[in-house]
Amino acid sequence: MKIGFVGLGAMGEAMAMCLLKAGHELAVYNRSPQKADRLVEEGAQRADSPSEAARGRDIVFSMLLDDDAVASSTFDENGIMDGLSKDAVHVGCSTISHALAIRLRDEHAARGQTYASATVLGRPPAAQAGELFVILAGAAAAREKVRPALDAFSQRIFEVGSDPAHANIVKLSLNFMIFSTIQQMAEVFSINEKAGIEPKAIFEILTNSFYTAPVHRNYGKIMVEKDYDKPGAPMSLGLKDAELFLAAGGDLRVPLPTASLIRDRFLTALAAGDDRRDFSALFEYARRDAGLTD
């Protein structure tokens, strides 16, 4: 297929590379052009704007940092909507607000264009390996059209219906579960460490008994090894997603008291200057509260 890709951060570049390796004809755009260099060297076409990345393509993916980046890349002059043909599909993969997800759905529809959402679960190494989990929502014909492309970077695709906004609310919900699990482990590790039991011993028990999910294994390992400074998911991103989840709760009139706690833990970390550390470093704030020092 002829595919466009807008947004080449750590996740976007890895997803785009998977599409290229799967044999798709790829046009790529990033606001910082140098981030497209490796893909261009591998055979992708460099686009000068989001509209150029979308023009003449069967599908155009967007994978961008936040609401502002998604909105400007889609709605502004020379945005995706300017280049998207009536029989193509814009597939949004970004983690965005419930309100923006609805706007994307409705404004594409008003132009007679097709929009689907394919949010993803997984960190950059999973994207590089083509092992992301994808949450897909949109019209049935759009879902059928985009699945072969999604197969290039996913190990499983979950469909959640015809409303693209549903994939975004699911993604925010699952991110919240990651954050709350990290906070739970941080408290469990801290109380056991205060009692004289090493976190790595608790980690071994957890991950070899009832708590065997990737979120326990992957983030728990980072926490017990205190390996917070490798490229990963920073505190600032965690705060953004926690606030988006709380905003969705406000939109839908659903109280989310635990999410408020998680938001405040991220704010504490950012106030201490830890905005770029992996959000599993929440463990250090639980340790500090328990009076633990290295």
C-alpha atoms as a PDB file:
ATOM      1  CA  MET A   1       0.000   0.000   0.000  1.00  0.00           C
ATOM      2  CA  LYS A   2       0.919   3.665  -0.352  1.00  0.00           C
ATOM      3  CA  ILE A   3       1.199   4.977   3.201  1.00  0.00           C
ATOM      4  CA  GLY A   4       2.025   8.328   4.760  1.00  0.00           C
ATOM      5  CA  PHE A   5       3.414   8.715   8.277  1.00  0.00           C
ATOM      6  CA  VAL A   6       3.390  11.956  10.282  1.00  0.00           C
ATOM      7  CA  GLY A   7       5.388  12.082  13.526  1.00  0.00           C
ATOM      8  CA  LEU A   8       8.729  10.340  13.887  1.00  0.00           C
ATOM      9  CA  GLY A   9       9.501  10.265  17.574  1.00  0.00           C
ATOM     10  CA  ALA A  10      10.800   7.096  19.206  1.00  0.00           C
ATOM     11  CA  MET A  11       7.501   5.274  18.646  1.00  0.00           C
ATOM     12  CA  GLY A  12       6.634   6.775  15.271  1.00  0.00           C
ATOM     13  CA  GLU A  13      10.009   6.099  13.693  1.00  0.00           C
ATOM     14  CA  ALA A  14       9.926   2.468  14.836  1.00  0.00           C
ATOM     15  CA  MET A  15       6.380   1.950  13.534  1.00  0.00           C
ATOM     16  CA  ALA A  16       7.241   3.601  10.216  1.00  0.00           C
ATOM     17  CA  MET A  17      10.332   1.417   9.842  1.00  0.00           C
ATOM     18  CA  CYS A  18       8.183  -1.683  10.331  1.00  0.00           C
ATOM     19  CA  LEU A  19       5.869  -0.491   7.554  1.00  0.00           C
ATOM     20  CA  LEU A  20       8.831   0.100   5.271  1.00  0.00           C
ATOM     21  CA  LYS A  21      10.297  -3.336   5.989  1.00  0.00           C
ATOM     22  CA  ALA A  22       6.897  -4.902   5.274  1.00  0.00           C
ATOM     23  CA  GLY A  23       7.146  -3.582   1.722  1.00  0.00           C
ATOM     24  CA  HIS A  24       4.792  -0.605   1.859  1.00  0.00           C
ATOM     25  CA  GLU A  25       5.572   2.522  -0.157  1.00  0.00           C
ATOM     26  CA  LEU A  26       6.136   5.152   2.524  1.00  0.00           C
ATOM     27  CA  ALA A  27       6.146   8.962   2.643  1.00  0.00           C
ATOM     28  CA  VAL A  28       7.245  10.444   5.983  1.00  0.00           C
ATOM     29  CA  TYR A  29       7.009  13.850   7.636  1.00  0.00           C
ATOM     30  CA  ASN A  30       8.378  15.222  10.876  1.00  0.00           C
ATOM     31  CA  ARG A  31       8.530  18.837  12.021  1.00  0.00           C
ATOM     32  CA  SER A  32      12.271  18.330  12.692  1.00  0.00           C
ATOM     33  CA  PRO A  33      13.302  17.021   9.249  1.00  0.00           C
ATOM     34  CA  GLN A  34      16.457  15.236  10.430  1.00  0.00           C
ATOM     35  CA  LYS A  35      14.335  12.681  12.259  1.00  0.00           C
ATOM     36  CA  ALA A  36      13.278  11.335   8.861  1.00  0.00           C
ATOM     37  CA  ASP A  37      16.848  10.795   7.657  1.00  0.00           C
ATOM     38  CA  ARG A  38      17.185   7.123   8.612  1.00  0.00           C
ATOM     39  CA  LEU A  39      13.864   6.209   7.017  1.00  0.00           C
ATOM     40  CA  VAL A  40      14.766   8.104   3.843  1.00  0.00           C
ATOM     41  CA  GLU A  41      18.066   6.220   3.702  1.00  0.00           C
ATOM     42  CA  GLU A  42      16.048   2.987   3.865  1.00  0.00           C
ATOM     43  CA  GLY A  43      13.838   4.008   0.944  1.00  0.00           C
ATOM     44  CA  ALA A  44      11.076   6.252   2.333  1.00  0.00           C
ATOM     45  CA  GLN A  45      10.096   9.459   0.550  1.00  0.00           C
ATOM     46  CA  ARG A  46      10.546  12.683   2.523  1.00  0.00           C
ATOM     47  CA  ALA A  47       7.421  14.866   2.633  1.00  0.00           C
ATOM     48  CA  ASP A  48       7.620  18.614   3.260  1.00  0.00           C
ATOM     49  CA  SER A  49       4.292  18.877   5.081  1.00  0.00           C
ATOM     50  CA  PRO A  50       1.598  16.662   6.604  1.00  0.00           C
ATOM     51  CA  SER A  51      -0.615  17.305   3.567  1.00  0.00           C
ATOM     52  CA  GLU A  52       2.144  16.078   1.251  1.00  0.00           C
ATOM     53  CA  ALA A  53       2.571  12.938   3.382  1.00  0.00           C
ATOM     54  CA  ALA A  54      -1.179  12.281   2.971  1.00  0.00           C
ATOM     55  CA  ARG A  55      -1.595  13.194  -0.698  1.00  0.00           C
ATOM     56  CA  GLY A  56      -2.053  10.198  -2.996  1.00  0.00           C
ATOM     57  CA  ARG A  57      -1.822   7.732  -0.117  1.00  0.00           C
ATOM     58  CA  ASP A  58      -4.178   4.910   0.816  1.00  0.00           C
ATOM     59  CA  ILE A  59      -3.545   5.478   4.522  1.00  0.00           C
ATOM     60  CA  VAL A  60      -1.812   8.185   6.521  1.00  0.00           C
ATOM     61  CA  PHE A  61      -0.774   7.511  10.114  1.00  0.00           C
ATOM     62  CA  SER A  62      -0.203  10.211  12.718  1.00  0.00           C
ATOM     63  CA  MET A  63       1.821   9.477  15.851  1.00  0.00           C
ATOM     64  CA  LEU A  64       2.440  12.732  17.692  1.00  0.00           C
ATOM     65  CA  LEU A  65       3.219  13.902  21.215  1.00  0.00           C
ATOM     66  CA  ASP A  66       0.100  15.726  22.343  1.00  0.00           C
ATOM     67  CA  ASP A  67      -3.183  17.395  21.433  1.00  0.00           C
ATOM     68  CA  ASP A  68      -1.555  20.558  20.084  1.00  0.00           C
ATOM     69  CA  ALA A  69       0.733  18.623  17.731  1.00  0.00           C
ATOM     70  CA  VAL A  70      -2.105  16.411  16.484  1.00  0.00           C
ATOM     71  CA  ALA A  71      -4.480  19.339  15.955  1.00  0.00           C
ATOM     72  CA  SER A  72      -1.956  21.490  14.075  1.00  0.00           C
ATOM     73  CA  SER A  73      -0.757  18.595  11.906  1.00  0.00           C
ATOM     74  CA  THR A  74      -4.332  17.703  11.009  1.00  0.00           C
ATOM     75  CA  PHE A  75      -6.359  20.921  10.820  1.00  0.00           C
ATOM     76  CA  ASP A  76      -3.877  23.691   9.962  1.00  0.00           C
ATOM     77  CA  GLU A  77      -3.074  24.808   6.437  1.00  0.00           C
ATOM     78  CA  ASN A  78      -1.053  22.050   4.746  1.00  0.00           C
ATOM     79  CA  GLY A  79      -2.297  19.638   7.387  1.00  0.00           C
ATOM     80  CA  ILE A  80      -3.378  16.058   6.849  1.00  0.00           C
ATOM     81  CA  MET A  81      -6.962  17.046   6.029  1.00  0.00           C
ATOM     82  CA  ASP A  82      -5.747  19.193   3.132  1.00  0.00           C
ATOM     83  CA  GLY A  83      -4.041  16.228   1.467  1.00  0.00           C
ATOM     84  CA  LEU A  84      -6.324  13.312   2.361  1.00  0.00           C
ATOM     85  CA  SER A  85      -8.380  11.929  -0.512  1.00  0.00           C
ATOM     86  CA  LYS A  86     -11.996  10.823  -0.066  1.00  0.00           C
ATOM     87  CA  ASP A  87     -11.127   7.119  -0.368  1.00  0.00           C
ATOM     88  CA  ALA A  88      -8.106   7.240   1.983  1.00  0.00           C
ATOM     89  CA  VAL A  89      -8.040   6.787   5.770  1.00  0.00           C
ATOM     90  CA  HIS A  90      -6.356   8.944   8.398  1.00  0.00           C
ATOM     91  CA  VAL A  91      -5.339   6.642  11.244  1.00  0.00           C
ATOM     92  CA  GLY A  92      -4.608   8.416  14.523  1.00  0.00           C
ATOM     93  CA  CYS A  93      -2.246   6.519  16.840  1.00  0.00           C
ATOM     94  CA  SER A  94      -1.476   9.299  19.320  1.00  0.00           C
ATOM     95  CA  THR A  95      -2.583   9.367  22.951  1.00  0.00           C
ATOM     96  CA  ILE A  96      -4.925  12.356  22.936  1.00  0.00           C
ATOM     97  CA  SER A  97      -7.829  13.832  24.852  1.00  0.00           C
ATOM     98  CA  HIS A  98     -11.359  12.517  24.567  1.00  0.00           C
ATOM     99  CA  ALA A  99     -12.423  15.946  23.296  1.00  0.00           C
ATOM    100  CA  LEU A 100      -9.862  15.995  20.480  1.00  0.00           C
ATOM    101  CA  ALA A 101     -10.729  12.415  19.505  1.00  0.00           C
ATOM    102  CA  ILE A 102     -14.331  13.516  19.003  1.00  0.00           C
ATOM    103  CA  ARG A 103     -13.241  16.599  17.023  1.00  0.00           C
ATOM    104  CA  LEU A 104     -11.089  14.469  14.701  1.00  0.00           C
ATOM    105  CA  ARG A 105     -13.980  12.093  14.129  1.00  0.00           C
ATOM    106  CA  ASP A 106     -16.491  14.840  13.428  1.00  0.00           C
ATOM    107  CA  GLU A 107     -14.378  17.210  11.311  1.00  0.00           C
ATOM    108  CA  HIS A 108     -13.156  14.419   9.047  1.00  0.00           C
ATOM    109  CA  ALA A 109     -16.755  13.270   8.621  1.00  0.00           C
ATOM    110  CA  ALA A 110     -17.867  16.837   7.801  1.00  0.00           C
ATOM    111  CA  ARG A 111     -15.355  16.862   4.935  1.00  0.00           C
ATOM    112  CA  GLY A 112     -16.469  13.468   3.690  1.00  0.00           C
ATOM    113  CA  GLN A 113     -13.170  11.952   4.833  1.00  0.00           C
ATOM    114  CA  THR A 114     -12.531   8.734   6.760  1.00  0.00           C
ATOM    115  CA  TYR A 115     -10.885   8.695  10.166  1.00  0.00           C
ATOM    116  CA  ALA A 116      -9.994   5.716  12.352  1.00  0.00           C
ATOM    117  CA  SER A 117      -8.104   5.465  15.620  1.00  0.00           C
ATOM    118  CA  ALA A 118      -5.446   2.819  16.274  1.00  0.00           C
ATOM    119  CA  THR A 119      -3.891   3.531  19.640  1.00  0.00           C
ATOM    120  CA  VAL A 120      -1.005   1.331  20.729  1.00  0.00           C
ATOM    121  CA  LEU A 121       0.278  -0.360  23.863  1.00  0.00           C
ATOM    122  CA  GLY A 122       4.006  -0.940  24.213  1.00  0.00           C
ATOM    123  CA  ARG A 123       7.313   0.853  24.553  1.00  0.00           C
ATOM    124  CA  PRO A 124       9.754   1.690  21.711  1.00  0.00           C
ATOM    125  CA  PRO A 125      11.537  -1.721  21.815  1.00  0.00           C
ATOM    126  CA  ALA A 126       8.174  -3.441  21.216  1.00  0.00           C
ATOM    127  CA  ALA A 127       7.497  -1.066  18.330  1.00  0.00           C
ATOM    128  CA  GLN A 128      10.894  -1.853  16.809  1.00  0.00           C
ATOM    129  CA  ALA A 129      10.165  -5.569  17.061  1.00  0.00           C
ATOM    130  CA  GLY A 130       6.690  -5.195  15.526  1.00  0.00           C
ATOM    131  CA  GLU A 131       5.102  -6.418  18.760  1.00  0.00           C
ATOM    132  CA  LEU A 132       2.751  -3.612  19.782  1.00  0.00           C
ATOM    133  CA  PHE A 133      -0.832  -4.228  20.837  1.00  0.00           C
ATOM    134  CA  VAL A 134      -3.260  -2.113  18.813  1.00  0.00           C
ATOM    135  CA  ILE A 135      -6.695  -0.854  19.860  1.00  0.00           C
ATOM    136  CA  LEU A 136      -8.628  -0.126  16.650  1.00  0.00           C
ATOM    137  CA  ALA A 137     -11.901   1.734  16.200  1.00  0.00           C
ATOM    138  CA  GLY A 138     -13.658   3.196  13.170  1.00  0.00           C
ATOM    139  CA  ALA A 139     -16.110   2.309  10.444  1.00  0.00           C
ATOM    140  CA  ALA A 140     -16.009  -1.369   9.454  1.00  0.00           C
ATOM    141  CA  ALA A 141     -14.675  -0.620   5.957  1.00  0.00           C
ATOM    142  CA  ALA A 142     -11.912   1.560   7.404  1.00  0.00           C
ATOM    143  CA  ARG A 143     -10.910  -1.101   9.935  1.00  0.00           C
ATOM    144  CA  GLU A 144     -10.691  -3.695   7.175  1.00  0.00           C
ATOM    145  CA  LYS A 145      -8.603  -1.386   5.007  1.00  0.00           C
ATOM    146  CA  VAL A 146      -6.021  -0.530   7.647  1.00  0.00           C
ATOM    147  CA  ARG A 147      -5.535  -3.939   9.286  1.00  0.00           C
ATOM    148  CA  PRO A 148      -2.861  -5.145   6.796  1.00  0.00           C
ATOM    149  CA  ALA A 149      -0.782  -2.054   7.581  1.00  0.00           C
ATOM    150  CA  LEU A 150      -1.287  -2.431  11.327  1.00  0.00           C
ATOM    151  CA  ASP A 151      -0.069  -6.021  11.086  1.00  0.00           C
ATOM    152  CA  ALA A 152       3.392  -4.669  10.250  1.00  0.00           C
ATOM    153  CA  PHE A 153       3.986  -3.365  13.786  1.00  0.00           C
ATOM    154  CA  SER A 154       1.536  -5.300  15.955  1.00  0.00           C
ATOM    155  CA  GLN A 155       1.285  -8.707  17.566  1.00  0.00           C
ATOM    156  CA  ARG A 156      -2.472  -8.376  18.112  1.00  0.00           C
ATOM    157  CA  ILE A 157      -5.241  -5.999  17.104  1.00  0.00           C
ATOM    158  CA  PHE A 158      -8.259  -5.427  19.353  1.00  0.00           C
ATOM    159  CA  GLU A 159     -11.326  -3.887  17.681  1.00  0.00           C
ATOM    160  CA  VAL A 160     -13.607  -1.750  19.856  1.00  0.00           C
ATOM    161  CA  GLY A 161     -16.316  -0.671  17.440  1.00  0.00           C
ATOM    162  CA  SER A 162     -17.218   1.999  14.920  1.00  0.00           C
ATOM    163  CA  ASP A 163     -16.579   5.163  16.948  1.00  0.00           C
ATOM    164  CA  PRO A 164     -12.902   6.178  16.608  1.00  0.00           C
ATOM    165  CA  ALA A 165     -13.023   8.002  19.956  1.00  0.00           C
ATOM    166  CA  HIS A 166     -13.528   4.691  21.741  1.00  0.00           C
ATOM    167  CA  ALA A 167      -9.961   3.570  20.990  1.00  0.00           C
ATOM    168  CA  ASN A 168      -8.672   6.728  22.654  1.00  0.00           C
ATOM    169  CA  ILE A 169     -10.662   6.287  25.854  1.00  0.00           C
ATOM    170  CA  VAL A 170      -9.496   2.665  26.064  1.00  0.00           C
ATOM    171  CA  LYS A 171      -5.883   3.770  25.640  1.00  0.00           C
ATOM    172  CA  LEU A 172      -6.169   6.396  28.390  1.00  0.00           C
ATOM    173  CA  SER A 173      -7.785   3.801  30.658  1.00  0.00           C
ATOM    174  CA  LEU A 174      -5.024   1.269  30.131  1.00  0.00           C
ATOM    175  CA  ASN A 175      -2.307   3.858  30.635  1.00  0.00           C
ATOM    176  CA  PHE A 176      -3.958   4.729  33.946  1.00  0.00           C
ATOM    177  CA  MET A 177      -3.783   1.054  34.918  1.00  0.00           C
ATOM    178  CA  ILE A 178      -0.055   1.043  34.154  1.00  0.00           C
ATOM    179  CA  PHE A 179       0.495   4.112  36.339  1.00  0.00           C
ATOM    180  CA  SER A 180      -1.593   2.778  39.215  1.00  0.00           C
ATOM    181  CA  THR A 181       0.189  -0.587  39.064  1.00  0.00           C
ATOM    182  CA  ILE A 182       3.557   1.182  39.271  1.00  0.00           C
ATOM    183  CA  GLN A 183       2.320   3.141  42.285  1.00  0.00           C
ATOM    184  CA  GLN A 184       1.075  -0.072  43.939  1.00  0.00           C
ATOM    185  CA  MET A 185       4.428  -1.794  43.393  1.00  0.00           C
ATOM    186  CA  ALA A 186       6.267   1.288  44.668  1.00  0.00           C
ATOM    187  CA  GLU A 187       4.319   1.144  47.928  1.00  0.00           C
ATOM    188  CA  VAL A 188       4.714  -2.642  48.259  1.00  0.00           C
ATOM    189  CA  PHE A 189       8.457  -2.495  47.593  1.00  0.00           C
ATOM    190  CA  SER A 190       8.836   0.386  50.068  1.00  0.00           C
ATOM    191  CA  ILE A 191       7.031  -1.202  53.005  1.00  0.00           C
ATOM    192  CA  ASN A 192       8.959  -4.440  52.537  1.00  0.00           C
ATOM    193  CA  GLU A 193      12.265  -2.600  52.203  1.00  0.00           C
ATOM    194  CA  LYS A 194      11.485  -0.697  55.417  1.00  0.00           C
ATOM    195  CA  ALA A 195      10.901  -4.084  57.084  1.00  0.00           C
ATOM    196  CA  GLY A 196      14.268  -5.335  55.821  1.00  0.00           C
ATOM    197  CA  ILE A 197      13.153  -7.301  52.728  1.00  0.00           C
ATOM    198  CA  GLU A 198      14.905  -6.403  49.488  1.00  0.00           C
ATOM    199  CA  PRO A 199      12.664  -5.184  46.622  1.00  0.00           C
ATOM    200  CA  LYS A 200      14.235  -7.741  44.275  1.00  0.00           C
ATOM    201  CA  ALA A 201      12.987 -10.535  46.557  1.00  0.00           C
ATOM    202  CA  ILE A 202       9.441  -9.161  46.425  1.00  0.00           C
ATOM    203  CA  PHE A 203       9.777  -8.719  42.648  1.00  0.00           C
ATOM    204  CA  GLU A 204      10.731 -12.387  42.264  1.00  0.00           C
ATOM    205  CA  ILE A 205       7.739 -13.499  44.308  1.00  0.00           C
ATOM    206  CA  LEU A 206       5.342 -11.188  42.458  1.00  0.00           C
ATOM    207  CA  THR A 207       6.390 -12.170  38.969  1.00  0.00           C
ATOM    208  CA  ASN A 208       6.533 -15.887  39.655  1.00  0.00           C
ATOM    209  CA  SER A 209       3.137 -16.171  41.334  1.00  0.00           C
ATOM    210  CA  PHE A 210      -0.029 -14.159  40.693  1.00  0.00           C
ATOM    211  CA  TYR A 211       1.464 -10.975  39.197  1.00  0.00           C
ATOM    212  CA  THR A 212       2.929 -12.071  35.879  1.00  0.00           C
ATOM    213  CA  ALA A 213       1.650  -9.391  33.483  1.00  0.00           C
ATOM    214  CA  PRO A 214       4.198  -7.477  31.376  1.00  0.00           C
ATOM    215  CA  VAL A 215       3.498  -4.332  33.397  1.00  0.00           C
ATOM    216  CA  HIS A 216       4.656  -6.106  36.566  1.00  0.00           C
ATOM    217  CA  ARG A 217       7.653  -7.743  34.923  1.00  0.00           C
ATOM    218  CA  ASN A 218       8.884  -4.825  32.803  1.00  0.00           C
ATOM    219  CA  TYR A 219       8.294  -1.886  35.133  1.00  0.00           C
ATOM    220  CA  GLY A 220       9.074  -3.887  38.256  1.00  0.00           C
ATOM    221  CA  LYS A 221      12.476  -4.758  36.799  1.00  0.00           C
ATOM    222  CA  ILE A 222      13.215  -1.104  36.076  1.00  0.00           C
ATOM    223  CA  MET A 223      12.188  -0.206  39.619  1.00  0.00           C
ATOM    224  CA  VAL A 224      14.272  -2.787  41.486  1.00  0.00           C
ATOM    225  CA  GLU A 225      17.293  -2.029  39.282  1.00  0.00           C
ATOM    226  CA  LYS A 226      16.630   1.743  39.557  1.00  0.00           C
ATOM    227  CA  ASP A 227      17.277   2.001  35.842  1.00  0.00           C
ATOM    228  CA  TYR A 228      15.239   5.164  35.349  1.00  0.00           C
ATOM    229  CA  ASP A 229      17.434   7.140  32.976  1.00  0.00           C
ATOM    230  CA  LYS A 230      17.373   5.092  29.775  1.00  0.00           C
ATOM    231  CA  PRO A 231      15.136   6.418  26.972  1.00  0.00           C
ATOM    232  CA  GLY A 232      11.631   5.375  27.865  1.00  0.00           C
ATOM    233  CA  ALA A 233       8.398   6.966  29.023  1.00  0.00           C
ATOM    234  CA  PRO A 234       9.164  10.180  30.970  1.00  0.00           C
ATOM    235  CA  MET A 235       7.326  11.589  33.964  1.00  0.00           C
ATOM    236  CA  SER A 236       6.129  14.535  31.857  1.00  0.00           C
ATOM    237  CA  LEU A 237       4.348  12.123  29.519  1.00  0.00           C
ATOM    238  CA  GLY A 238       2.820  10.290  32.464  1.00  0.00           C
ATOM    239  CA  LEU A 239       1.449  13.559  33.828  1.00  0.00           C
ATOM    240  CA  LYS A 240      -0.035  14.454  30.437  1.00  0.00           C
ATOM    241  CA  ASP A 241      -1.836  11.107  30.160  1.00  0.00           C
ATOM    242  CA  ALA A 242      -3.073  11.186  33.764  1.00  0.00           C
ATOM    243  CA  GLU A 243      -4.527  14.637  33.177  1.00  0.00           C
ATOM    244  CA  LEU A 244      -6.166  13.499  29.919  1.00  0.00           C
ATOM    245  CA  PHE A 245      -7.767  10.589  31.778  1.00  0.00           C
ATOM    246  CA  LEU A 246      -9.078  12.921  34.469  1.00  0.00           C
ATOM    247  CA  ALA A 247     -10.420  15.288  31.794  1.00  0.00           C
ATOM    248  CA  ALA A 248     -12.247  12.382  30.163  1.00  0.00           C
ATOM    249  CA  GLY A 249     -13.731  11.572  33.552  1.00  0.00           C
ATOM    250  CA  GLY A 250     -14.999  15.142  33.741  1.00  0.00           C
ATOM    251  CA  ASP A 251     -16.454  14.960  30.223  1.00  0.00           C
ATOM    252  CA  LEU A 252     -18.266  11.717  31.009  1.00  0.00           C
ATOM    253  CA  ARG A 253     -19.148  12.566  34.639  1.00  0.00           C
ATOM    254  CA  VAL A 254     -17.132   9.683  36.084  1.00  0.00           C
ATOM    255  CA  PRO A 255     -15.220  10.323  39.355  1.00  0.00           C
ATOM    256  CA  LEU A 256     -11.655   8.990  39.209  1.00  0.00           C
ATOM    257  CA  PRO A 257     -10.177   9.420  42.701  1.00  0.00           C
ATOM    258  CA  THR A 258      -7.197   7.111  42.174  1.00  0.00           C
ATOM    259  CA  ALA A 259      -6.294   8.977  38.989  1.00  0.00           C
ATOM    260  CA  SER A 260      -6.186  12.199  41.010  1.00  0.00           C
ATOM    261  CA  LEU A 261      -3.644  10.592  43.343  1.00  0.00           C
ATOM    262  CA  ILE A 262      -1.522   9.429  40.392  1.00  0.00           C
ATOM    263  CA  ARG A 263      -1.627  12.909  38.849  1.00  0.00           C
ATOM    264  CA  ASP A 264      -0.369  14.378  42.110  1.00  0.00           C
ATOM    265  CA  ARG A 265       2.470  11.849  42.308  1.00  0.00           C
ATOM    266  CA  PHE A 266       3.594  12.899  38.834  1.00  0.00           C
ATOM    267  CA  LEU A 267       3.341  16.567  39.822  1.00  0.00           C
ATOM    268  CA  THR A 268       5.549  15.861  42.843  1.00  0.00           C
ATOM    269  CA  ALA A 269       8.165  14.272  40.588  1.00  0.00           C
ATOM    270  CA  LEU A 270       8.092  17.169  38.129  1.00  0.00           C
ATOM    271  CA  ALA A 271       8.375  19.693  40.956  1.00  0.00           C
ATOM    272  CA  ALA A 272      11.576  17.896  41.997  1.00  0.00           C
ATOM    273  CA  GLY A 273      12.989  18.184  38.466  1.00  0.00           C
ATOM    274  CA  ASP A 274      12.465  14.562  37.456  1.00  0.00           C
ATOM    275  CA  ASP A 275      10.362  15.307  34.382  1.00  0.00           C
ATOM    276  CA  ARG A 276      12.663  13.359  32.016  1.00  0.00           C
ATOM    277  CA  ARG A 277      13.144  10.230  34.138  1.00  0.00           C
ATOM    278  CA  ASP A 278      11.108   7.115  33.397  1.00  0.00           C
ATOM    279  CA  PHE A 279       7.819   7.231  35.261  1.00  0.00           C
ATOM    280  CA  SER A 280       8.712   4.030  37.121  1.00  0.00           C
ATOM    281  CA  ALA A 281      10.882   6.386  39.225  1.00  0.00           C
ATOM    282  CA  LEU A 282       7.689   7.011  41.202  1.00  0.00           C
ATOM    283  CA  PHE A 283       9.245   4.286  43.355  1.00  0.00           C
ATOM    284  CA  GLU A 284      11.786   6.794  44.644  1.00  0.00           C
ATOM    285  CA  TYR A 285       9.032   9.069  45.937  1.00  0.00           C
ATOM    286  CA  ALA A 286       7.372   6.180  47.762  1.00  0.00           C
ATOM    287  CA  ARG A 287      10.778   5.344  49.289  1.00  0.00           C
ATOM    288  CA  ARG A 288      11.346   8.949  50.288  1.00  0.00           C
ATOM    289  CA  ASP A 289       7.923   9.094  51.979  1.00  0.00           C
ATOM    290  CA  ALA A 290       8.875   5.950  53.895  1.00  0.00           C
ATOM    291  CA  GLY A 291      12.108   7.539  55.126  1.00  0.00           C
ATOM    292  CA  LEU A 292      14.308   5.261  53.023  1.00  0.00           C
ATOM    293  CA  THR A 293      17.632   6.557  51.717  1.00  0.00           C
ATOM    294  CA  ASP A 294      20.331   4.886  49.627  1.00  0.00           C
END
